[in-house]
Amino acid sequence: MPRDLSRPTASLSALPSPRGTRPTLLLTGGSGVLGRALIDELAPDYDLLCVRRNRSLGDPRIRQIEGDLRAPRLGLSPRAWYELALRVDVVIHSGAATNWHLPPEEIARTNTLGTDSMLDLAARADAPFYLVSTAFVANTPSEEDRRRFPGAAAYLDSKARAEQLTRDSGVPGAIVRPSVVMGDSVTGRIADEQGLTKTIGAMVLGQVPVLPGAPEARIDMVPQDYVSRAIGALVRGGVGGGEYWLTAGREAVELREIADTCAEFAVRLGLPRPPRPRLIPVETVHRLLLPMLAGTALSGSVRQRFRYYAELLLVFQRELPFDSSLGEPDCGSRPTHADIRAALVRNLERWSDDRSARSTARRRPAAQTPTEVAS
């Protein structure tokens, strides 16, 4: 859409004064898995300004501005929007609607209008723009997929649309396409439990008797520190164009390797070794099993879990490896196959520690609130 790109001359009262002479980087999605890793990566070199919708990020290294990706100009007034443009030197747009249970139209609105707004801000600020997309835009849902999994299909469609908006804008910067973002490769730390964490945890506990997917299917996943370092290198290098695949590529692990790693970890914990989930090709799942589930006596929770795994693998499974830009100039380093398997173990260890901590917290008696007595 046409944009008035004139720079404002208004005062800067809408935001706190800058803390130094370092460039200011505006980040959306700072509360997410990758967003938290990006804060760790970029805080030493940039004054970070993070957009939040409601909940404070609680991080003293950043300044925050409340905004809504679903609203034009993040819901800010024209004056505040112009003042924000005066502050910003770099924009990283990592925020997106990733909850596939939301209405498809809300996913589309958040991911496309949010991108358009941030592109407008970058253009006004004369700042490079880095869009965090997803490698899985390479997966095109079929019409049957769209009917059966409208949330996942809307997510993929909206990410593809966001990329096209970025290409058409003429704003310098880059599109980055991470695959599944795992926890940290050293600590296993991850900001929030997401689909991968839930799935591998359930596999350790023997709660996944069946998985949609062929044994040799690749699940492309990369530790969050590899992804954040690559994005940081692109930004610091001033890369002004191109599309970068932040993926494992040919180093990606196979689905059966994940199942075996989870089983070995269960034994380490002293649990019974879970049977390897029966792996069923996705085509068979979609054509036969999902239609049959509606008429079975299986509990609703079992049917829901199976549909959840099928939806995840619709998005995250690839039979052929992605390209990978990791390890190229200004694009971090590329993990080896062994690095990714080791990172999976670190993630499982962190999952186990967090699970134990939650269990301990549930058993701990509630603190007694002292009663005030009037004198």
Foldseek 3Di string as FASTA:
>chain_A
DDADQAADPDDLVVFDDDPDDAAEEEEEPCLFFLNVLLCVVCLVGHAYEYEDADDDPPDPSHHYDHFALLDALSPDDPVNLSSVLCRHAAYEYPDADDPLVPPLVSRLSSLASSLVRVLNSCSNNLHAYEYEAAPLLVQQDDPLCCVLRVSLNSNSVSSVNSVVCVVVSPGWYEYEHEAAEFEALPQRDTSDDDDVLVVLVCLLVLNAQAFEADQQWFQKYDYSNLQSQQRVLRVVVVHTYYYFYAIQFPLTDGPNLSSVLSQVVSVVVVHHRHDRHHYHYLVCCSPPVLVCVVVDPDDPVVNVVRSVNSSVCSRGIDRHGDDHPAPPRSGHHHDHSVSVSSSSVSNVVVSVVVVVVVVVVVPDDDDDDDDDDDD
